[in-house]
Amino acid sequence: MSKKKKGGKLHKTLVEQILDKAKIEYEQIPFATHEAGDVQEMEVDESKLDQHTIYKTLVASGKTTGPVVGVIPLDTHLDLKKLAKASGNKKVNMVPLKELVKTTGYEHGANTPVGIWEKLKYPIYFDNTAKEQGEIIVSSGQIGRSVKVNAEAVCQLVQGDFVDLLEVDGE
């Protein structure tokens, strides 16, 4: 019986291969997924992971820069005005869901700052909370796959910046 049966290490995603090449340590984190209409969504076991350490990768577009990427905690909201200011745009708008794959190469739920930078070199901005937390969880480029990684190492890899991106209650 072969030792390479299911249940061992997962195959490496392109993002994990990029992190390996850059000598950035990470931990593979698989999530259970389910179908919600035509979009898969992650089911996160809240008892195991703090949603504030899981980061979503959001893609907007501005007239000056074209696509820009904001990386913020899952349990927060992106302030588009702050992303516009950080990226040198007067205004940015979220890329429509139907244009996401065409814009980034990733489907909703699989967008990753590492893969987007590797393929497209879009400007990437991480909310300051990522730097404060140290380790964050970002998508590994596939639905149901993420990596826990050092925020500063990933930010440096994608030539990103740490800025204030979060919507504040009452704004």
N, C-alpha and C. Protein backbone atom coordinates (compact mmCIF):
# COMPACT_ATOMS: atom_id res chain seq x y z
N MET A 1 0.84 -1.18 0.00
CA MET A 1 0.00 0.00 0.00
C MET A 1 0.88 1.24 0.00
N SER A 2 0.61 2.15 -0.90
CA SER A 2 1.40 3.37 -1.04
C SER A 2 1.19 4.31 0.14
N LYS A 3 2.23 5.01 0.51
CA LYS A 3 2.15 5.99 1.60
C LYS A 3 1.53 7.30 1.13
N LYS A 4 1.41 7.49 -0.16
CA LYS A 4 0.90 8.76 -0.69
C LYS A 4 -0.61 8.70 -0.90
N LYS A 5 -1.32 8.28 0.10
CA LYS A 5 -2.79 8.25 0.06
C LYS A 5 -3.33 9.57 0.58
N LYS A 6 -4.63 9.78 0.35
CA LYS A 6 -5.28 10.99 0.85
C LYS A 6 -5.14 11.09 2.36
N GLY A 7 -5.15 12.35 2.86
CA GLY A 7 -5.08 12.57 4.29
C GLY A 7 -3.73 13.12 4.72
N GLY A 8 -2.74 13.07 3.86
CA GLY A 8 -1.43 13.63 4.19
C GLY A 8 -1.40 15.10 3.82
N LYS A 9 -0.24 15.53 3.37
CA LYS A 9 -0.11 16.93 2.97
C LYS A 9 -0.90 17.18 1.69
N LEU A 10 -1.44 18.39 1.60
CA LEU A 10 -2.18 18.81 0.42
C LEU A 10 -1.20 19.16 -0.70
N HIS A 11 -1.65 19.04 -1.96
CA HIS A 11 -0.80 19.50 -3.07
C HIS A 11 -0.58 21.00 -2.90
N LYS A 12 0.50 21.50 -3.42
CA LYS A 12 0.79 22.92 -3.27
C LYS A 12 0.12 23.72 -4.36
N THR A 13 -0.51 24.81 -3.95
CA THR A 13 -1.11 25.73 -4.91
C THR A 13 0.02 26.59 -5.49
N LEU A 14 -0.28 27.32 -6.55
CA LEU A 14 0.70 28.23 -7.15
C LEU A 14 1.19 29.24 -6.11
N VAL A 15 0.28 29.73 -5.28
CA VAL A 15 0.64 30.69 -4.24
C VAL A 15 1.65 30.07 -3.28
N GLU A 16 1.41 28.83 -2.87
CA GLU A 16 2.33 28.16 -1.95
C GLU A 16 3.70 27.94 -2.61
N GLN A 17 3.70 27.65 -3.89
CA GLN A 17 4.96 27.49 -4.62
C GLN A 17 5.72 28.82 -4.68
N ILE A 18 4.99 29.92 -4.87
CA ILE A 18 5.62 31.26 -4.89
C ILE A 18 6.21 31.57 -3.52
N LEU A 19 5.47 31.26 -2.46
CA LEU A 19 5.97 31.49 -1.09
C LEU A 19 7.21 30.64 -0.82
N ASP A 20 7.21 29.39 -1.28
CA ASP A 20 8.38 28.52 -1.13
C ASP A 20 9.60 29.14 -1.82
N LYS A 21 9.39 29.58 -3.05
CA LYS A 21 10.49 30.16 -3.84
C LYS A 21 11.05 31.40 -3.15
N ALA A 22 10.16 32.19 -2.51
CA ALA A 22 10.58 33.41 -1.81
C ALA A 22 11.10 33.11 -0.40
N LYS A 23 11.09 31.83 -0.02
CA LYS A 23 11.54 31.38 1.31
C LYS A 23 10.73 32.04 2.43
N ILE A 24 9.41 32.13 2.21
CA ILE A 24 8.50 32.67 3.21
C ILE A 24 7.74 31.49 3.82
N GLU A 25 7.84 31.36 5.14
CA GLU A 25 7.16 30.26 5.82
C GLU A 25 5.65 30.50 5.84
N TYR A 26 4.90 29.41 5.76
CA TYR A 26 3.44 29.49 5.80
C TYR A 26 2.89 28.18 6.32
N GLU A 27 1.62 28.21 6.70
CA GLU A 27 0.92 27.01 7.13
C GLU A 27 -0.30 26.86 6.22
N GLN A 28 -0.47 25.68 5.63
CA GLN A 28 -1.64 25.41 4.79
C GLN A 28 -2.88 25.31 5.67
N ILE A 29 -3.96 25.98 5.24
CA ILE A 29 -5.21 25.92 5.99
C ILE A 29 -6.35 25.62 5.02
N PRO A 30 -6.84 24.38 5.01
CA PRO A 30 -8.00 24.06 4.16
C PRO A 30 -9.30 24.41 4.90
N PHE A 31 -10.30 24.87 4.16
CA PHE A 31 -11.62 25.18 4.71
C PHE A 31 -12.65 24.33 4.01
N ALA A 32 -13.69 23.95 4.75
CA ALA A 32 -14.84 23.28 4.12
C ALA A 32 -15.58 24.34 3.31
N THR A 33 -16.10 23.95 2.15
CA THR A 33 -16.87 24.90 1.33
C THR A 33 -18.22 24.29 1.01
N HIS A 34 -19.15 25.15 0.65
CA HIS A 34 -20.46 24.69 0.21
C HIS A 34 -20.95 25.60 -0.90
N GLU A 35 -21.85 25.10 -1.69
CA GLU A 35 -22.41 25.89 -2.79
C GLU A 35 -23.49 26.82 -2.26
N ALA A 36 -23.43 28.09 -2.64
CA ALA A 36 -24.46 29.07 -2.30
C ALA A 36 -24.86 29.71 -3.62
N GLY A 37 -25.84 29.14 -4.30
CA GLY A 37 -26.17 29.62 -5.64
C GLY A 37 -25.05 29.19 -6.56
N ASP A 38 -24.49 30.15 -7.30
CA ASP A 38 -23.38 29.81 -8.19
C ASP A 38 -22.03 30.25 -7.61
N VAL A 39 -22.01 30.64 -6.33
CA VAL A 39 -20.78 31.08 -5.70
C VAL A 39 -20.48 30.20 -4.49
N GLN A 40 -19.25 29.69 -4.41
CA GLN A 40 -18.87 28.92 -3.24
C GLN A 40 -18.45 29.88 -2.14
N GLU A 41 -18.80 29.58 -0.91
CA GLU A 41 -18.40 30.40 0.23
C GLU A 41 -17.69 29.52 1.25
N MET A 42 -16.78 30.14 2.00
CA MET A 42 -16.05 29.40 3.03
C MET A 42 -16.91 29.24 4.27
N GLU A 43 -16.85 28.08 4.85
CA GLU A 43 -17.44 27.86 6.17
C GLU A 43 -16.28 27.84 7.14
N VAL A 44 -16.20 28.84 7.98
CA VAL A 44 -15.09 28.93 8.92
C VAL A 44 -15.56 28.46 10.28
N ASP A 45 -14.84 27.52 10.87
CA ASP A 45 -15.14 27.05 12.22
C ASP A 45 -14.62 28.11 13.19
N GLU A 46 -15.53 28.94 13.69
CA GLU A 46 -15.15 30.07 14.53
C GLU A 46 -14.44 29.64 15.80
N SER A 47 -14.65 28.41 16.25
CA SER A 47 -13.97 27.97 17.47
C SER A 47 -12.48 27.73 17.23
N LYS A 48 -12.10 27.53 15.99
CA LYS A 48 -10.70 27.25 15.68
C LYS A 48 -9.94 28.46 15.18
N LEU A 49 -10.62 29.40 14.47
CA LEU A 49 -9.93 30.54 13.88
C LEU A 49 -10.66 31.83 14.21
N ASP A 50 -9.88 32.85 14.52
CA ASP A 50 -10.42 34.18 14.77
C ASP A 50 -10.65 34.84 13.41
N GLN A 51 -11.90 35.21 13.11
CA GLN A 51 -12.20 35.81 11.81
C GLN A 51 -11.43 37.09 11.57
N HIS A 52 -10.95 37.73 12.62
CA HIS A 52 -10.18 38.97 12.45
C HIS A 52 -8.77 38.68 11.94
N THR A 53 -8.32 37.41 11.97
CA THR A 53 -7.00 37.07 11.42
C THR A 53 -7.12 36.53 9.99
N ILE A 54 -8.36 36.29 9.55
CA ILE A 54 -8.60 35.85 8.17
C ILE A 54 -8.83 37.10 7.34
N TYR A 55 -8.07 37.24 6.27
CA TYR A 55 -8.15 38.45 5.44
C TYR A 55 -8.77 38.16 4.09
N LYS A 56 -9.62 39.09 3.65
CA LYS A 56 -10.22 38.98 2.32
C LYS A 56 -9.48 39.93 1.39
N THR A 57 -9.37 39.52 0.14
CA THR A 57 -8.67 40.28 -0.89
C THR A 57 -9.73 40.87 -1.80
N LEU A 58 -9.87 42.20 -1.74
CA LEU A 58 -10.91 42.90 -2.50
C LEU A 58 -10.28 43.70 -3.64
N VAL A 59 -10.94 43.69 -4.79
CA VAL A 59 -10.39 44.34 -5.97
C VAL A 59 -11.30 45.48 -6.40
N ALA A 60 -10.70 46.66 -6.51
CA ALA A 60 -11.41 47.85 -6.97
C ALA A 60 -10.67 48.37 -8.19
N SER A 61 -11.22 49.40 -8.81
CA SER A 61 -10.57 49.99 -9.97
C SER A 61 -10.72 51.50 -9.93
N GLY A 62 -9.64 52.18 -10.30
CA GLY A 62 -9.64 53.64 -10.36
C GLY A 62 -9.17 54.11 -11.73
N LYS A 63 -9.54 55.34 -12.09
CA LYS A 63 -9.17 55.87 -13.41
C LYS A 63 -7.66 56.04 -13.55
N THR A 64 -6.98 56.41 -12.47
CA THR A 64 -5.54 56.66 -12.53
C THR A 64 -4.74 55.37 -12.61
N THR A 65 -5.08 54.39 -11.79
CA THR A 65 -4.26 53.18 -11.67
C THR A 65 -4.83 51.95 -12.35
N GLY A 66 -6.12 51.96 -12.64
CA GLY A 66 -6.76 50.71 -13.04
C GLY A 66 -7.01 49.90 -11.78
N PRO A 67 -6.94 48.57 -11.85
CA PRO A 67 -7.23 47.75 -10.66
C PRO A 67 -6.27 48.01 -9.50
N VAL A 68 -6.83 48.03 -8.30
CA VAL A 68 -6.07 48.12 -7.05
C VAL A 68 -6.66 47.10 -6.09
N VAL A 69 -5.83 46.62 -5.18
CA VAL A 69 -6.23 45.55 -4.29
C VAL A 69 -6.15 46.01 -2.84
N GLY A 70 -7.21 45.75 -2.09
CA GLY A 70 -7.23 46.02 -0.66
C GLY A 70 -7.36 44.70 0.10
N VAL A 71 -6.53 44.51 1.11
CA VAL A 71 -6.54 43.28 1.90
C VAL A 71 -6.90 43.66 3.33
N ILE A 72 -8.09 43.18 3.78
CA ILE A 72 -8.62 43.60 5.08
C ILE A 72 -9.18 42.39 5.84
N PRO A 73 -9.32 42.51 7.17
CA PRO A 73 -9.89 41.40 7.93
C PRO A 73 -11.30 41.04 7.45
N LEU A 74 -11.62 39.75 7.50
CA LEU A 74 -12.89 39.22 7.04
C LEU A 74 -14.09 39.88 7.72
N ASP A 75 -13.92 40.26 8.98
CA ASP A 75 -15.04 40.79 9.76
C ASP A 75 -15.14 42.32 9.72
N THR A 76 -14.51 42.95 8.70
CA THR A 76 -14.54 44.41 8.57
C THR A 76 -15.02 44.81 7.17
N HIS A 77 -15.15 46.12 6.95
CA HIS A 77 -15.57 46.65 5.65
C HIS A 77 -14.51 47.59 5.10
N LEU A 78 -14.30 47.52 3.79
CA LEU A 78 -13.35 48.36 3.09
C LEU A 78 -13.92 49.76 2.91
N ASP A 79 -13.12 50.77 3.22
CA ASP A 79 -13.48 52.16 2.96
C ASP A 79 -12.89 52.52 1.59
N LEU A 80 -13.74 52.63 0.58
CA LEU A 80 -13.27 52.88 -0.78
C LEU A 80 -12.56 54.23 -0.90
N LYS A 81 -12.98 55.22 -0.11
CA LYS A 81 -12.32 56.54 -0.15
C LYS A 81 -10.88 56.42 0.33
N LYS A 82 -10.65 55.62 1.37
CA LYS A 82 -9.30 55.43 1.89
C LYS A 82 -8.43 54.68 0.89
N LEU A 83 -9.00 53.68 0.21
CA LEU A 83 -8.25 52.93 -0.80
C LEU A 83 -7.92 53.85 -1.98
N ALA A 84 -8.87 54.69 -2.37
CA ALA A 84 -8.63 55.64 -3.46
C ALA A 84 -7.47 56.57 -3.11
N LYS A 85 -7.52 57.13 -1.91
CA LYS A 85 -6.47 58.07 -1.47
C LYS A 85 -5.11 57.37 -1.44
N ALA A 86 -5.05 56.18 -0.86
CA ALA A 86 -3.79 55.44 -0.75
C ALA A 86 -3.20 55.11 -2.12
N SER A 87 -4.09 54.85 -3.09
CA SER A 87 -3.63 54.42 -4.42
C SER A 87 -3.43 55.57 -5.40
N GLY A 88 -3.72 56.80 -4.96
CA GLY A 88 -3.52 57.95 -5.85
C GLY A 88 -4.67 58.17 -6.81
N ASN A 89 -5.84 57.62 -6.51
CA ASN A 89 -7.03 57.81 -7.34
C ASN A 89 -7.96 58.80 -6.64
N LYS A 90 -8.76 59.52 -7.43
CA LYS A 90 -9.80 60.37 -6.83
C LYS A 90 -10.90 59.50 -6.25
N LYS A 91 -11.18 58.41 -6.95
CA LYS A 91 -12.28 57.54 -6.58
C LYS A 91 -11.97 56.13 -7.09
N VAL A 92 -12.39 55.11 -6.35
CA VAL A 92 -12.31 53.73 -6.83
C VAL A 92 -13.66 53.07 -6.62
N ASN A 93 -13.98 52.12 -7.47
CA ASN A 93 -15.20 51.33 -7.36
C ASN A 93 -14.83 49.86 -7.36
N MET A 94 -15.61 49.08 -6.63
CA MET A 94 -15.38 47.63 -6.62
C MET A 94 -15.53 47.08 -8.03
N VAL A 95 -14.68 46.14 -8.39
CA VAL A 95 -14.81 45.46 -9.68
C VAL A 95 -16.05 44.57 -9.58
N PRO A 96 -16.98 44.67 -10.55
CA PRO A 96 -18.18 43.83 -10.49
C PRO A 96 -17.82 42.34 -10.48
N LEU A 97 -18.61 41.57 -9.73
CA LEU A 97 -18.37 40.14 -9.58
C LEU A 97 -18.22 39.44 -10.93
N LYS A 98 -19.05 39.83 -11.90
CA LYS A 98 -19.01 39.18 -13.22
C LYS A 98 -17.70 39.47 -13.97
N GLU A 99 -16.96 40.50 -13.55
CA GLU A 99 -15.69 40.85 -14.21
C GLU A 99 -14.46 40.42 -13.40
N LEU A 100 -14.70 39.80 -12.25
CA LEU A 100 -13.61 39.48 -11.34
C LEU A 100 -12.59 38.51 -11.95
N VAL A 101 -13.06 37.42 -12.52
CA VAL A 101 -12.13 36.43 -13.11
C VAL A 101 -11.35 37.06 -14.25
N LYS A 102 -12.02 37.86 -15.08
CA LYS A 102 -11.35 38.53 -16.19
C LYS A 102 -10.30 39.52 -15.68
N THR A 103 -10.58 40.17 -14.54
CA THR A 103 -9.68 41.18 -13.99
C THR A 103 -8.50 40.58 -13.24
N THR A 104 -8.75 39.51 -12.45
CA THR A 104 -7.69 38.98 -11.58
C THR A 104 -7.22 37.57 -11.94
N GLY A 105 -8.05 36.84 -12.66
CA GLY A 105 -7.72 35.44 -12.93
C GLY A 105 -8.23 34.51 -11.84
N TYR A 106 -8.88 35.07 -10.82
CA TYR A 106 -9.39 34.27 -9.70
C TYR A 106 -10.88 34.48 -9.54
N GLU A 107 -11.58 33.39 -9.14
CA GLU A 107 -13.01 33.51 -8.87
C GLU A 107 -13.23 34.08 -7.48
N HIS A 108 -14.44 34.56 -7.23
CA HIS A 108 -14.81 35.11 -5.93
C HIS A 108 -14.51 34.07 -4.85
N GLY A 109 -13.78 34.49 -3.82
CA GLY A 109 -13.42 33.58 -2.74
C GLY A 109 -12.03 32.99 -2.88
N ALA A 110 -11.40 33.20 -4.04
CA ALA A 110 -10.06 32.64 -4.26
C ALA A 110 -9.02 33.74 -4.54
N ASN A 111 -9.46 35.00 -4.60
CA ASN A 111 -8.51 36.09 -4.86
C ASN A 111 -7.45 36.12 -3.76
N THR A 112 -6.22 36.31 -4.18
CA THR A 112 -5.09 36.27 -3.27
C THR A 112 -4.09 37.35 -3.65
N PRO A 113 -3.58 38.10 -2.68
CA PRO A 113 -2.61 39.14 -3.03
C PRO A 113 -1.35 38.57 -3.69
N VAL A 114 -0.94 37.39 -3.26
CA VAL A 114 0.29 36.79 -3.80
C VAL A 114 0.12 36.45 -5.29
N GLY A 115 -0.96 35.78 -5.64
CA GLY A 115 -1.18 35.39 -7.03
C GLY A 115 -1.46 36.58 -7.94
N ILE A 116 -2.23 37.53 -7.42
CA ILE A 116 -2.55 38.73 -8.22
C ILE A 116 -1.26 39.50 -8.52
N TRP A 117 -0.39 39.63 -7.53
CA TRP A 117 0.87 40.34 -7.77
C TRP A 117 1.74 39.57 -8.76
N GLU A 118 1.86 38.27 -8.56
CA GLU A 118 2.71 37.45 -9.42
C GLU A 118 2.28 37.54 -10.89
N LYS A 119 0.98 37.51 -11.12
CA LYS A 119 0.45 37.49 -12.50
C LYS A 119 0.28 38.89 -13.09
N LEU A 120 -0.15 39.87 -12.28
CA LEU A 120 -0.64 41.13 -12.84
C LEU A 120 0.03 42.39 -12.31
N LYS A 121 0.74 42.31 -11.21
CA LYS A 121 1.45 43.45 -10.61
C LYS A 121 0.54 44.63 -10.26
N TYR A 122 -0.72 44.35 -9.88
CA TYR A 122 -1.60 45.42 -9.42
C TYR A 122 -1.09 45.97 -8.09
N PRO A 123 -1.29 47.27 -7.83
CA PRO A 123 -0.92 47.82 -6.52
C PRO A 123 -1.74 47.16 -5.41
N ILE A 124 -1.06 46.80 -4.32
CA ILE A 124 -1.73 46.07 -3.24
C ILE A 124 -1.52 46.81 -1.92
N TYR A 125 -2.63 46.96 -1.18
CA TYR A 125 -2.63 47.68 0.09
C TYR A 125 -3.22 46.78 1.17
N PHE A 126 -2.48 46.62 2.26
CA PHE A 126 -2.93 45.84 3.40
C PHE A 126 -3.37 46.81 4.49
N ASP A 127 -4.47 46.50 5.17
CA ASP A 127 -4.84 47.34 6.28
C ASP A 127 -3.78 47.21 7.38
N ASN A 128 -3.59 48.31 8.11
CA ASN A 128 -2.60 48.36 9.19
C ASN A 128 -2.76 47.24 10.22
N THR A 129 -3.99 46.74 10.39
CA THR A 129 -4.21 45.69 11.39
C THR A 129 -3.39 44.44 11.06
N ALA A 130 -3.12 44.20 9.79
CA ALA A 130 -2.32 43.03 9.41
C ALA A 130 -0.92 43.13 10.00
N LYS A 131 -0.33 44.31 9.90
CA LYS A 131 1.02 44.52 10.45
C LYS A 131 1.01 44.35 11.97
N GLU A 132 -0.03 44.88 12.60
CA GLU A 132 -0.16 44.78 14.06
C GLU A 132 -0.32 43.32 14.50
N GLN A 133 -1.06 42.52 13.72
CA GLN A 133 -1.31 41.13 14.09
C GLN A 133 -0.11 40.23 13.85
N GLY A 134 0.69 40.56 12.88
CA GLY A 134 1.86 39.73 12.57
C GLY A 134 1.51 38.62 11.60
N GLU A 135 0.80 37.58 12.07
CA GLU A 135 0.41 36.49 11.19
C GLU A 135 -1.04 36.68 10.76
N ILE A 136 -1.28 36.51 9.47
CA ILE A 136 -2.62 36.63 8.92
C ILE A 136 -2.90 35.42 8.03
N ILE A 137 -4.17 35.21 7.73
CA ILE A 137 -4.57 34.12 6.84
C ILE A 137 -5.14 34.74 5.57
N VAL A 138 -4.56 34.39 4.42
CA VAL A 138 -5.04 34.87 3.12
C VAL A 138 -5.31 33.68 2.22
N SER A 139 -6.10 33.90 1.21
CA SER A 139 -6.42 32.83 0.26
C SER A 139 -5.14 32.33 -0.42
N SER A 140 -5.17 31.05 -0.72
CA SER A 140 -4.06 30.41 -1.40
C SER A 140 -4.34 30.27 -2.90
N GLY A 141 -5.39 30.98 -3.36
CA GLY A 141 -5.68 31.00 -4.79
C GLY A 141 -6.69 29.97 -5.25
N GLN A 142 -7.23 29.19 -4.32
CA GLN A 142 -8.27 28.21 -4.65
C GLN A 142 -9.35 28.29 -3.60
N ILE A 143 -10.60 28.08 -4.01
CA ILE A 143 -11.70 28.04 -3.05
C ILE A 143 -11.39 26.95 -2.02
N GLY A 144 -11.52 27.30 -0.76
CA GLY A 144 -11.30 26.33 0.31
C GLY A 144 -9.85 26.16 0.73
N ARG A 145 -8.95 26.96 0.18
CA ARG A 145 -7.53 26.84 0.53
C ARG A 145 -6.98 28.21 0.92
N SER A 146 -6.34 28.26 2.07
CA SER A 146 -5.71 29.49 2.55
C SER A 146 -4.35 29.16 3.14
N VAL A 147 -3.59 30.23 3.42
CA VAL A 147 -2.30 30.07 4.09
C VAL A 147 -2.20 31.08 5.23
N LYS A 148 -1.62 30.62 6.33
CA LYS A 148 -1.29 31.51 7.44
C LYS A 148 0.15 31.93 7.20
N VAL A 149 0.38 33.24 7.18
CA VAL A 149 1.68 33.75 6.76
C VAL A 149 1.99 35.05 7.51
N ASN A 150 3.26 35.41 7.57
CA ASN A 150 3.67 36.66 8.19
C ASN A 150 3.25 37.82 7.29
N ALA A 151 2.49 38.75 7.85
CA ALA A 151 1.94 39.86 7.06
C ALA A 151 3.03 40.73 6.44
N GLU A 152 4.06 41.03 7.20
CA GLU A 152 5.13 41.90 6.65
C GLU A 152 5.88 41.21 5.52
N ALA A 153 6.09 39.90 5.64
CA ALA A 153 6.79 39.16 4.59
C ALA A 153 5.97 39.15 3.30
N VAL A 154 4.66 38.93 3.42
CA VAL A 154 3.80 38.92 2.23
C VAL A 154 3.71 40.31 1.62
N CYS A 155 3.57 41.32 2.47
CA CYS A 155 3.50 42.70 1.98
C CYS A 155 4.76 43.07 1.20
N GLN A 156 5.91 42.67 1.73
CA GLN A 156 7.18 42.94 1.04
C GLN A 156 7.24 42.18 -0.28
N LEU A 157 6.81 40.92 -0.27
CA LEU A 157 6.83 40.10 -1.48
C LEU A 157 6.03 40.73 -2.61
N VAL A 158 4.87 41.29 -2.28
CA VAL A 158 3.98 41.85 -3.32
C VAL A 158 4.19 43.36 -3.49
N GLN A 159 5.26 43.87 -2.89
CA GLN A 159 5.59 45.29 -2.93
C GLN A 159 4.39 46.15 -2.53
N GLY A 160 3.70 45.68 -1.48
CA GLY A 160 2.51 46.37 -0.99
C GLY A 160 2.84 47.43 0.04
N ASP A 161 1.79 48.05 0.55
CA ASP A 161 1.91 49.06 1.60
C ASP A 161 0.88 48.77 2.68
N PHE A 162 1.24 49.12 3.90
CA PHE A 162 0.29 49.07 5.01
C PHE A 162 -0.33 50.45 5.15
N VAL A 163 -1.66 50.51 5.10
CA VAL A 163 -2.39 51.77 5.21
C VAL A 163 -3.69 51.54 5.96
N ASP A 164 -4.35 52.61 6.34
CA ASP A 164 -5.67 52.50 6.98
C ASP A 164 -6.71 52.33 5.87
N LEU A 165 -7.38 51.20 5.86
CA LEU A 165 -8.38 50.90 4.83
C LEU A 165 -9.77 50.65 5.38
N LEU A 166 -9.91 50.64 6.70
CA LEU A 166 -11.17 50.19 7.28
C LEU A 166 -12.21 51.30 7.42
N GLU A 167 -13.45 50.91 7.12
CA GLU A 167 -14.59 51.78 7.34
C GLU A 167 -14.78 51.89 8.85
N VAL A 168 -15.00 53.09 9.32
CA VAL A 168 -15.24 53.31 10.74
C VAL A 168 -16.73 53.53 10.92
N ASP A 169 -17.31 52.96 11.97
CA ASP A 169 -18.75 53.13 12.23
C ASP A 169 -19.08 54.60 12.24
N GLY A 170 -20.17 54.94 11.55
CA GLY A 170 -20.63 56.31 11.53
C GLY A 170 -20.08 57.13 10.39
N GLU A 171 -19.18 56.56 9.58
CA GLU A 171 -18.62 57.31 8.44
C GLU A 171 -19.41 57.02 7.18
